[in-house]
Each structure stands twice: as structure tokens, then as C-alpha cells.
Amino acid sequence: MLPSEIDTTAVQEDVDIVGLSILSSNYMRLVSETIKELKDHGKGDVLVLLGGIIYEEDFPTLKEMGVVGIFIPGTPLQDIVEFVRKQTSQIVS
């Protein structure tokens, strides 16, 4: 999906979380464009999660962009589930 398609779907479905699984070396541009699209269309408060082959040296920049969780290959599913539960409990509170 393109960033504009992700944004359109997020707006239509009124989501609280967007999870991006990117297996492309282009992830910095794709994440940046997706977050910009979300902000431009009133969804700047959406939690953005990122999974895939992500270089650790990019973590700080991605977090500055607005990514709240980064999950690399091998991350136990339970860790991801617990992270999402914690994040969504903060939304509800």
C-alpha cells in the first residue's frame, strides 16, 4: 500500500493504531510519508507501529518521526501483544 492509501483507510476506519510491516530498504521514506499523510488528515494522534528489517541506528529518528513501537524479526509475538495492550490502555484511560 502507498502512504496515501494507508491514510485513507485509517481515516475511513477511524483507527487508533496503524501497524506497518515493511520489508524494503525504503522504510524511512515510507514511514515519514505515512505519518505526514496521517497528520495532514487529522489522524496525527494515531499510534504508529513498525515491523520489519529495521536498522537499529534508525530507531531514534523513527521515534522522533512518531513511531511508538519498532519490532524486528524474531520479536516474540507476546511482546508485541503486550506492547499494544499497554499502549491501547493509555488511549482508553
Protein backbone atom coordinates (compact mmCIF):
# COMPACT_ATOMS: atom_id res chain seq x y z
CA MET A 1 0.00 0.00 0.00
CA LEU A 2 1.03 3.56 -0.59
CA PRO A 3 1.14 6.06 2.31
CA SER A 4 -1.94 7.83 0.90
CA GLU A 5 -3.86 4.53 0.82
CA ILE A 6 -2.88 3.78 4.42
CA ASP A 7 -4.03 7.25 5.43
CA THR A 8 -7.33 6.94 3.57
CA THR A 9 -8.07 3.61 5.23
CA ALA A 10 -7.05 4.90 8.68
CA VAL A 11 -9.40 7.87 8.31
CA GLN A 12 -12.30 5.79 6.93
CA GLU A 13 -12.00 3.17 9.66
CA ASP A 14 -11.23 5.71 12.44
CA VAL A 15 -8.34 3.61 13.74
CA ASP A 16 -6.26 4.23 16.84
CA ILE A 17 -3.23 2.24 15.67
CA VAL A 18 -1.52 1.77 12.31
CA GLY A 19 0.91 -1.12 12.01
CA LEU A 20 3.40 -1.04 9.18
CA SER A 21 5.31 -4.14 8.17
CA ILE A 22 7.98 -3.04 5.75
CA LEU A 23 10.45 -5.34 4.06
CA SER A 24 12.01 -2.61 1.98
CA SER A 25 15.14 -0.56 2.49
CA ASN A 26 12.92 2.44 1.74
CA TYR A 27 11.27 2.31 5.17
CA MET A 28 12.47 5.75 6.32
CA ARG A 29 10.74 7.48 3.40
CA LEU A 30 7.63 5.31 3.59
CA VAL A 31 7.22 5.85 7.34
CA SER A 32 7.82 9.59 7.02
CA GLU A 33 5.29 9.95 4.21
CA THR A 34 2.70 7.82 6.02
CA ILE A 35 2.98 9.84 9.23
CA LYS A 36 2.77 13.10 7.25
CA GLU A 37 -0.37 11.88 5.45
CA LEU A 38 -1.95 10.87 8.77
CA LYS A 39 -1.19 14.26 10.33
CA ASP A 40 -2.42 16.14 7.26
CA HIS A 41 -5.78 14.37 7.51
CA GLY A 42 -6.42 14.76 11.23
CA LYS A 43 -5.05 11.40 12.35
CA GLY A 44 -1.84 12.67 13.94
CA ASP A 45 -2.81 11.02 17.21
CA VAL A 46 -2.75 7.53 15.69
CA LEU A 47 -0.15 5.23 17.22
CA VAL A 48 2.25 4.01 14.53
CA LEU A 49 3.97 0.65 14.95
CA LEU A 50 6.72 -0.55 12.65
CA GLY A 51 7.93 -4.05 11.96
CA GLY A 52 10.44 -5.50 9.57
CA ILE A 53 14.14 -5.37 8.91
CA ILE A 54 14.86 -2.04 10.57
CA TYR A 55 18.39 -0.86 11.31
CA GLU A 56 18.91 -0.11 14.98
CA GLU A 57 20.71 3.15 14.16
CA ASP A 58 17.43 4.40 12.63
CA PHE A 59 15.37 3.77 15.78
CA PRO A 60 15.90 7.26 17.30
CA THR A 61 14.97 9.03 14.04
CA LEU A 62 11.91 6.83 13.57
CA LYS A 63 10.77 7.56 17.12
CA GLU A 64 11.28 11.29 16.52
CA MET A 65 9.07 10.93 13.44
CA GLY A 66 6.34 9.49 15.65
CA VAL A 67 6.78 5.71 15.58
CA VAL A 68 5.86 4.40 19.05
CA GLY A 69 6.96 0.80 18.65
CA ILE A 70 9.57 -0.90 16.49
CA PHE A 71 9.65 -4.68 16.15
CA ILE A 72 12.42 -6.50 14.35
CA PRO A 73 12.32 -10.09 13.07
CA GLY A 74 12.39 -12.53 15.95
CA THR A 75 10.46 -10.30 18.33
CA PRO A 76 8.20 -12.67 20.26
CA LEU A 77 4.54 -12.19 19.38
CA GLN A 78 3.70 -11.98 23.08
CA ASP A 79 5.99 -8.94 23.42
CA ILE A 80 4.17 -7.21 20.59
CA VAL A 81 0.76 -8.07 22.05
CA GLU A 82 1.77 -6.76 25.48
CA PHE A 83 3.13 -3.56 23.95
CA VAL A 84 -0.12 -2.95 22.05
CA ARG A 85 -2.20 -3.69 25.16
CA LYS A 86 -0.18 -1.22 27.18
CA GLN A 87 -0.44 1.45 24.50
CA THR A 88 -4.17 0.97 24.00
CA SER A 89 -4.88 1.01 27.71
CA GLN A 90 -3.38 4.51 27.72
CA ILE A 91 -5.77 5.53 24.92
CA VAL A 92 -8.80 4.30 26.85
CA SER A 93 -7.70 5.84 30.16
